[in-house]
Amino acid sequence: MIKRYERTNELLKADIQLIEKIRDLEDYKVLLNRAREVFYSKTDELSTGKERSNNVGLLTVAGIINKNDIMRFNKMIFRGTKGNSLVYSFDVPTQDSSATSKSVFIIMLESGGTVLSKINRICDSFGAKKYPLPEFKE
């Protein structure tokens, strides 16, 4: 009887971890789709056949944050970078009404170590989940 109870607890914990992993991957998928929209639009230079380079000295930080915190987060990023950044934010569509509402953020800034460390500290203070962005090629 005790072994069944322990095995059931292990399965329950594994199930909870899998559900969290699935939600994390769904958030990452939404972030990547939104990032593609930001970096490549229909009226972009790519549609005319010209090649565009992402290596212009811009850094990007992207992630997911609680929707209720997005306005304060934008203000903190603006103040922390002294206005030298561009922040895009989009709402994440949710299927569950019980799930917390989230927003995707994409921050673009000129390369700089101290500014990047400030942004990372701000993201950590808001509890934002950061994701790496690949180079988008079409």
N, C-alpha and C. Protein backbone atom coordinates (compact mmCIF):
# COMPACT_ATOMS: atom_id res chain seq x y z
N MET A 1 0.82 -1.20 0.00
CA MET A 1 0.00 0.00 0.00
C MET A 1 0.86 1.26 0.00
N ILE A 2 1.92 1.27 0.79
CA ILE A 2 2.81 2.43 0.86
C ILE A 2 3.54 2.62 -0.46
N LYS A 3 3.92 1.52 -1.11
CA LYS A 3 4.61 1.62 -2.40
C LYS A 3 3.70 2.23 -3.46
N ARG A 4 2.44 1.86 -3.45
CA ARG A 4 1.50 2.45 -4.39
C ARG A 4 1.35 3.95 -4.16
N TYR A 5 1.27 4.34 -2.90
CA TYR A 5 1.15 5.75 -2.55
C TYR A 5 2.37 6.52 -3.02
N GLU A 6 3.57 5.99 -2.78
CA GLU A 6 4.80 6.66 -3.20
C GLU A 6 4.88 6.75 -4.72
N ARG A 7 4.51 5.67 -5.39
CA ARG A 7 4.53 5.66 -6.86
C ARG A 7 3.53 6.67 -7.41
N THR A 8 2.36 6.77 -6.79
CA THR A 8 1.35 7.75 -7.23
C THR A 8 1.86 9.17 -7.04
N ASN A 9 2.53 9.43 -5.94
CA ASN A 9 3.11 10.76 -5.70
C ASN A 9 4.18 11.08 -6.73
N GLU A 10 5.01 10.11 -7.07
CA GLU A 10 6.04 10.33 -8.09
C GLU A 10 5.41 10.64 -9.44
N LEU A 11 4.37 9.90 -9.79
CA LEU A 11 3.70 10.15 -11.06
C LEU A 11 3.02 11.51 -11.08
N LEU A 12 2.45 11.91 -9.96
CA LEU A 12 1.81 13.22 -9.87
C LEU A 12 2.83 14.34 -10.04
N LYS A 13 3.99 14.20 -9.39
CA LYS A 13 5.04 15.21 -9.53
C LYS A 13 5.55 15.28 -10.96
N ALA A 14 5.72 14.12 -11.60
CA ALA A 14 6.16 14.09 -12.99
C ALA A 14 5.13 14.74 -13.90
N ASP A 15 3.86 14.50 -13.62
CA ASP A 15 2.79 15.10 -14.41
C ASP A 15 2.80 16.62 -14.28
N ILE A 16 2.98 17.12 -13.09
CA ILE A 16 3.03 18.56 -12.86
C ILE A 16 4.22 19.18 -13.59
N GLN A 17 5.37 18.51 -13.56
CA GLN A 17 6.55 19.01 -14.27
C GLN A 17 6.32 19.04 -15.78
N LEU A 18 5.66 18.02 -16.30
CA LEU A 18 5.37 17.99 -17.74
C LEU A 18 4.41 19.09 -18.15
N ILE A 19 3.41 19.34 -17.32
CA ILE A 19 2.45 20.42 -17.62
C ILE A 19 3.17 21.77 -17.63
N GLU A 20 4.08 22.01 -16.67
CA GLU A 20 4.84 23.25 -16.63
C GLU A 20 5.74 23.37 -17.86
N LYS A 21 6.35 22.27 -18.27
CA LYS A 21 7.22 22.28 -19.44
C LYS A 21 6.42 22.59 -20.70
N ILE A 22 5.22 22.02 -20.83
CA ILE A 22 4.36 22.29 -21.99
C ILE A 22 3.97 23.76 -22.03
N ARG A 23 3.58 24.32 -20.89
CA ARG A 23 3.22 25.75 -20.84
C ARG A 23 4.40 26.62 -21.20
N ASP A 24 5.60 26.24 -20.73
CA ASP A 24 6.81 26.99 -21.05
C ASP A 24 7.09 26.95 -22.54
N LEU A 25 6.94 25.79 -23.16
CA LEU A 25 7.17 25.66 -24.60
C LEU A 25 6.12 26.43 -25.41
N GLU A 26 4.87 26.43 -24.94
CA GLU A 26 3.83 27.21 -25.62
C GLU A 26 4.14 28.71 -25.56
N ASP A 27 4.63 29.17 -24.40
CA ASP A 27 5.01 30.58 -24.26
C ASP A 27 6.16 30.91 -25.21
N TYR A 28 7.13 30.01 -25.31
CA TYR A 28 8.28 30.23 -26.19
C TYR A 28 7.84 30.27 -27.65
N LYS A 29 6.87 29.45 -28.01
CA LYS A 29 6.35 29.44 -29.39
C LYS A 29 5.69 30.77 -29.72
N VAL A 30 4.89 31.29 -28.79
CA VAL A 30 4.24 32.59 -29.00
C VAL A 30 5.28 33.68 -29.13
N LEU A 31 6.32 33.63 -28.28
CA LEU A 31 7.38 34.63 -28.32
C LEU A 31 8.09 34.60 -29.67
N LEU A 32 8.40 33.43 -30.18
CA LEU A 32 9.10 33.33 -31.46
C LEU A 32 8.23 33.84 -32.61
N ASN A 33 6.94 33.55 -32.57
CA ASN A 33 6.05 34.05 -33.62
C ASN A 33 5.96 35.58 -33.58
N ARG A 34 5.87 36.15 -32.40
CA ARG A 34 5.81 37.61 -32.28
C ARG A 34 7.13 38.25 -32.69
N ALA A 35 8.25 37.60 -32.34
CA ALA A 35 9.55 38.14 -32.72
C ALA A 35 9.72 38.15 -34.23
N ARG A 36 9.21 37.12 -34.88
CA ARG A 36 9.27 37.08 -36.34
C ARG A 36 8.48 38.25 -36.93
N GLU A 37 7.33 38.56 -36.33
CA GLU A 37 6.52 39.69 -36.81
C GLU A 37 7.27 41.01 -36.63
N VAL A 38 8.00 41.13 -35.52
CA VAL A 38 8.72 42.37 -35.24
C VAL A 38 9.89 42.54 -36.22
N PHE A 39 10.64 41.48 -36.44
CA PHE A 39 11.84 41.59 -37.25
C PHE A 39 11.58 41.53 -38.75
N TYR A 40 10.53 40.85 -39.16
CA TYR A 40 10.23 40.74 -40.58
C TYR A 40 8.75 41.02 -40.81
N SER A 41 8.48 42.12 -41.43
CA SER A 41 7.10 42.43 -41.77
C SER A 41 6.91 42.25 -43.27
N LYS A 42 5.68 42.30 -43.72
CA LYS A 42 5.39 42.11 -45.14
C LYS A 42 5.97 43.23 -46.00
N THR A 43 6.10 44.42 -45.44
CA THR A 43 6.63 45.54 -46.21
C THR A 43 8.12 45.70 -46.00
N ASP A 44 8.76 44.70 -45.46
CA ASP A 44 10.18 44.77 -45.16
C ASP A 44 11.01 44.67 -46.43
N GLU A 45 12.29 44.94 -46.31
CA GLU A 45 13.19 44.89 -47.45
C GLU A 45 13.34 43.48 -48.01
N LEU A 46 13.03 42.47 -47.22
CA LEU A 46 13.16 41.10 -47.70
C LEU A 46 12.19 40.82 -48.83
N SER A 47 11.03 41.45 -48.82
CA SER A 47 10.05 41.20 -49.87
C SER A 47 10.50 41.79 -51.21
N THR A 48 11.42 42.76 -51.19
CA THR A 48 11.92 43.34 -52.44
C THR A 48 13.17 42.64 -52.93
N GLY A 49 13.65 41.64 -52.20
CA GLY A 49 14.81 40.88 -52.64
C GLY A 49 16.11 41.36 -52.04
N LYS A 50 16.11 42.46 -51.33
CA LYS A 50 17.34 42.93 -50.69
C LYS A 50 17.57 42.12 -49.43
N GLU A 51 18.83 41.93 -49.09
CA GLU A 51 19.15 41.15 -47.91
C GLU A 51 19.33 42.09 -46.73
N ARG A 52 18.81 41.66 -45.60
CA ARG A 52 18.88 42.47 -44.38
C ARG A 52 19.75 41.76 -43.36
N SER A 53 20.60 42.49 -42.69
CA SER A 53 21.49 41.90 -41.69
C SER A 53 21.02 42.26 -40.30
N ASN A 54 20.98 41.26 -39.39
CA ASN A 54 20.62 41.52 -38.01
C ASN A 54 21.82 41.94 -37.18
N ASN A 55 23.01 41.86 -37.75
CA ASN A 55 24.23 42.16 -37.01
C ASN A 55 24.59 43.63 -37.16
N VAL A 56 23.74 44.51 -36.67
CA VAL A 56 23.96 45.94 -36.78
C VAL A 56 24.42 46.49 -35.43
N GLY A 57 24.83 45.65 -34.53
CA GLY A 57 25.23 46.09 -33.21
C GLY A 57 24.07 46.20 -32.25
N LEU A 58 22.96 45.57 -32.58
CA LEU A 58 21.79 45.59 -31.70
C LEU A 58 21.72 44.29 -30.89
N LEU A 59 21.39 44.45 -29.64
CA LEU A 59 21.15 43.31 -28.77
C LEU A 59 19.65 43.17 -28.55
N THR A 60 19.20 41.95 -28.41
CA THR A 60 17.79 41.73 -28.12
C THR A 60 17.67 40.89 -26.86
N VAL A 61 16.72 41.26 -26.04
CA VAL A 61 16.35 40.49 -24.85
C VAL A 61 14.85 40.26 -24.98
N ALA A 62 14.44 38.99 -24.88
CA ALA A 62 13.03 38.67 -25.06
C ALA A 62 12.57 37.72 -23.97
N GLY A 63 11.27 37.78 -23.68
CA GLY A 63 10.75 36.89 -22.66
C GLY A 63 9.27 37.08 -22.44
N ILE A 64 8.82 36.46 -21.35
CA ILE A 64 7.41 36.48 -20.95
C ILE A 64 7.32 37.09 -19.56
N ILE A 65 6.33 37.95 -19.37
CA ILE A 65 6.13 38.60 -18.07
C ILE A 65 4.63 38.63 -17.77
N ASN A 66 4.30 38.79 -16.52
CA ASN A 66 2.90 38.92 -16.12
C ASN A 66 2.31 40.17 -16.76
N LYS A 67 1.11 40.03 -17.30
CA LYS A 67 0.46 41.14 -18.02
C LYS A 67 0.23 42.35 -17.14
N ASN A 68 -0.02 42.14 -15.87
CA ASN A 68 -0.27 43.25 -14.95
C ASN A 68 0.97 44.11 -14.71
N ASP A 69 2.16 43.54 -14.94
CA ASP A 69 3.41 44.25 -14.67
C ASP A 69 4.02 44.91 -15.90
N ILE A 70 3.41 44.77 -17.07
CA ILE A 70 4.07 45.19 -18.30
C ILE A 70 4.28 46.71 -18.37
N MET A 71 3.35 47.51 -17.89
CA MET A 71 3.52 48.97 -17.95
C MET A 71 4.66 49.43 -17.02
N ARG A 72 4.69 48.90 -15.81
CA ARG A 72 5.79 49.24 -14.90
C ARG A 72 7.13 48.76 -15.45
N PHE A 73 7.11 47.58 -16.08
CA PHE A 73 8.31 47.01 -16.67
C PHE A 73 8.83 47.92 -17.79
N ASN A 74 7.94 48.39 -18.66
CA ASN A 74 8.34 49.29 -19.75
C ASN A 74 8.95 50.57 -19.21
N LYS A 75 8.35 51.12 -18.15
CA LYS A 75 8.89 52.35 -17.55
C LYS A 75 10.27 52.11 -16.96
N MET A 76 10.45 50.97 -16.29
CA MET A 76 11.76 50.66 -15.69
C MET A 76 12.83 50.47 -16.77
N ILE A 77 12.47 49.82 -17.85
CA ILE A 77 13.43 49.63 -18.95
C ILE A 77 13.79 50.98 -19.56
N PHE A 78 12.80 51.83 -19.77
CA PHE A 78 13.05 53.16 -20.33
C PHE A 78 14.00 53.95 -19.43
N ARG A 79 13.72 53.93 -18.13
CA ARG A 79 14.57 54.68 -17.19
C ARG A 79 15.95 54.05 -17.07
N GLY A 80 16.01 52.72 -17.04
CA GLY A 80 17.30 52.04 -16.89
C GLY A 80 18.22 52.21 -18.08
N THR A 81 17.63 52.33 -19.27
CA THR A 81 18.45 52.50 -20.47
C THR A 81 18.53 53.97 -20.91
N LYS A 82 17.92 54.85 -20.13
CA LYS A 82 17.88 56.28 -20.42
C LYS A 82 17.28 56.56 -21.79
N GLY A 83 16.26 55.78 -22.13
CA GLY A 83 15.55 56.00 -23.38
C GLY A 83 16.23 55.43 -24.61
N ASN A 84 17.33 54.72 -24.45
CA ASN A 84 18.07 54.18 -25.59
C ASN A 84 17.71 52.73 -25.88
N SER A 85 16.45 52.40 -25.76
CA SER A 85 16.00 51.05 -26.08
C SER A 85 14.62 51.13 -26.71
N LEU A 86 14.25 50.04 -27.35
CA LEU A 86 12.95 49.94 -27.97
C LEU A 86 12.29 48.68 -27.42
N VAL A 87 11.11 48.83 -26.83
CA VAL A 87 10.42 47.71 -26.20
C VAL A 87 9.13 47.44 -26.95
N TYR A 88 8.99 46.20 -27.43
CA TYR A 88 7.74 45.73 -28.02
C TYR A 88 7.08 44.82 -27.01
N SER A 89 5.78 44.93 -26.85
CA SER A 89 5.06 44.03 -25.95
C SER A 89 3.75 43.61 -26.61
N PHE A 90 3.42 42.32 -26.43
CA PHE A 90 2.22 41.74 -27.00
C PHE A 90 1.57 40.85 -25.95
N ASP A 91 0.25 40.78 -25.98
CA ASP A 91 -0.46 39.89 -25.07
C ASP A 91 -0.40 38.47 -25.59
N VAL A 92 -0.29 37.51 -24.66
CA VAL A 92 -0.29 36.09 -25.01
C VAL A 92 -1.71 35.58 -24.89
N PRO A 93 -2.25 34.99 -25.95
CA PRO A 93 -3.61 34.44 -25.86
C PRO A 93 -3.62 33.20 -24.97
N THR A 94 -4.60 33.11 -24.08
CA THR A 94 -4.70 31.96 -23.18
C THR A 94 -5.99 31.22 -23.44
N GLN A 95 -5.93 29.89 -23.33
CA GLN A 95 -7.11 29.07 -23.50
C GLN A 95 -7.87 28.93 -22.19
N ASP A 96 -7.15 28.86 -21.08
CA ASP A 96 -7.76 28.69 -19.77
C ASP A 96 -8.12 30.05 -19.18
N SER A 97 -9.30 30.13 -18.62
CA SER A 97 -9.68 31.38 -17.95
C SER A 97 -9.02 31.47 -16.57
N SER A 98 -8.59 30.31 -16.04
CA SER A 98 -7.96 30.31 -14.72
C SER A 98 -6.47 30.64 -14.80
N ALA A 99 -5.88 30.55 -16.00
CA ALA A 99 -4.46 30.82 -16.16
C ALA A 99 -4.19 32.32 -16.03
N THR A 100 -3.00 32.64 -15.52
CA THR A 100 -2.63 34.04 -15.39
C THR A 100 -2.33 34.61 -16.77
N SER A 101 -2.72 35.84 -16.99
CA SER A 101 -2.49 36.47 -18.29
C SER A 101 -1.03 36.90 -18.36
N LYS A 102 -0.44 36.71 -19.55
CA LYS A 102 0.98 36.98 -19.76
C LYS A 102 1.15 37.89 -20.95
N SER A 103 2.32 38.50 -21.02
CA SER A 103 2.68 39.33 -22.16
C SER A 103 4.08 38.97 -22.62
N VAL A 104 4.29 39.06 -23.92
CA VAL A 104 5.60 38.86 -24.52
C VAL A 104 6.28 40.21 -24.59
N PHE A 105 7.57 40.28 -24.27
CA PHE A 105 8.32 41.51 -24.45
C PHE A 105 9.57 41.22 -25.27
N ILE A 106 9.90 42.17 -26.12
CA ILE A 106 11.13 42.11 -26.91
C ILE A 106 11.80 43.47 -26.76
N ILE A 107 13.01 43.46 -26.23
CA ILE A 107 13.75 44.70 -26.00
C ILE A 107 14.91 44.73 -26.99
N MET A 108 15.04 45.83 -27.72
CA MET A 108 16.16 46.01 -28.63
C MET A 108 16.95 47.22 -28.16
N LEU A 109 18.28 47.06 -28.10
CA LEU A 109 19.14 48.14 -27.65
C LEU A 109 20.49 48.02 -28.31
N GLU A 110 21.24 49.11 -28.25
CA GLU A 110 22.61 49.07 -28.76
C GLU A 110 23.46 48.24 -27.82
N SER A 111 24.50 47.65 -28.36
CA SER A 111 25.34 46.78 -27.55
C SER A 111 26.03 47.59 -26.45
N GLY A 112 26.04 47.02 -25.28
CA GLY A 112 26.66 47.64 -24.13
C GLY A 112 26.53 46.75 -22.91
N GLY A 113 27.63 46.46 -22.25
CA GLY A 113 27.63 45.52 -21.14
C GLY A 113 26.88 46.00 -19.91
N THR A 114 27.04 47.28 -19.56
CA THR A 114 26.39 47.77 -18.35
C THR A 114 24.89 47.89 -18.53
N VAL A 115 24.47 48.30 -19.72
CA VAL A 115 23.03 48.43 -19.98
C VAL A 115 22.38 47.06 -20.00
N LEU A 116 23.07 46.10 -20.59
CA LEU A 116 22.53 44.74 -20.63
C LEU A 116 22.41 44.15 -19.23
N SER A 117 23.37 44.42 -18.37
CA SER A 117 23.27 43.92 -16.99
C SER A 117 22.11 44.60 -16.25
N LYS A 118 21.86 45.89 -16.52
CA LYS A 118 20.71 46.57 -15.92
C LYS A 118 19.41 45.92 -16.37
N ILE A 119 19.31 45.63 -17.65
CA ILE A 119 18.09 45.02 -18.18
C ILE A 119 17.88 43.64 -17.57
N ASN A 120 18.95 42.87 -17.44
CA ASN A 120 18.83 41.54 -16.82
C ASN A 120 18.37 41.64 -15.37
N ARG A 121 18.88 42.63 -14.64
CA ARG A 121 18.44 42.81 -13.25
C ARG A 121 16.98 43.22 -13.18
N ILE A 122 16.54 44.08 -14.10
CA ILE A 122 15.14 44.50 -14.13
C ILE A 122 14.25 43.30 -14.44
N CYS A 123 14.66 42.49 -15.42
CA CYS A 123 13.89 41.29 -15.77
C CYS A 123 13.79 40.35 -14.58
N ASP A 124 14.89 40.16 -13.88
CA ASP A 124 14.88 39.28 -12.71
C ASP A 124 14.00 39.83 -11.60
N SER A 125 14.00 41.15 -11.41
CA SER A 125 13.19 41.73 -10.33
C SER A 125 11.69 41.60 -10.62
N PHE A 126 11.30 41.57 -11.89
CA PHE A 126 9.89 41.41 -12.25
C PHE A 126 9.51 39.94 -12.40
N GLY A 127 10.45 39.05 -12.26
CA GLY A 127 10.16 37.63 -12.39
C GLY A 127 9.89 37.22 -13.82
N ALA A 128 10.50 37.89 -14.77
CA ALA A 128 10.29 37.60 -16.19
C ALA A 128 11.08 36.36 -16.58
N LYS A 129 10.49 35.55 -17.41
CA LYS A 129 11.15 34.37 -17.96
C LYS A 129 11.77 34.77 -19.29
N LYS A 130 13.10 34.77 -19.38
CA LYS A 130 13.79 35.19 -20.60
C LYS A 130 14.06 33.98 -21.49
N TYR A 131 13.99 34.23 -22.79
CA TYR A 131 14.24 33.18 -23.79
C TYR A 131 15.25 33.70 -24.81
N PRO A 132 16.08 32.83 -25.34
CA PRO A 132 17.00 33.27 -26.40
C PRO A 132 16.26 33.40 -27.72
N LEU A 133 16.65 34.38 -28.50
CA LEU A 133 16.08 34.57 -29.83
C LEU A 133 17.09 34.10 -30.87
N PRO A 134 16.68 33.23 -31.77
CA PRO A 134 17.60 32.84 -32.85
C PRO A 134 17.66 33.93 -33.91
N GLU A 135 18.62 33.82 -34.81
CA GLU A 135 18.66 34.74 -35.95
C GLU A 135 17.60 34.29 -36.92
N PHE A 136 16.74 35.20 -37.30
CA PHE A 136 15.65 34.86 -38.22
C PHE A 136 16.13 34.99 -39.64
N LYS A 137 15.97 33.92 -40.38
CA LYS A 137 16.35 33.91 -41.80
C LYS A 137 15.16 33.44 -42.60
N GLU A 138 14.90 34.14 -43.67
CA GLU A 138 13.79 33.72 -44.55
C GLU A 138 14.31 33.59 -45.95
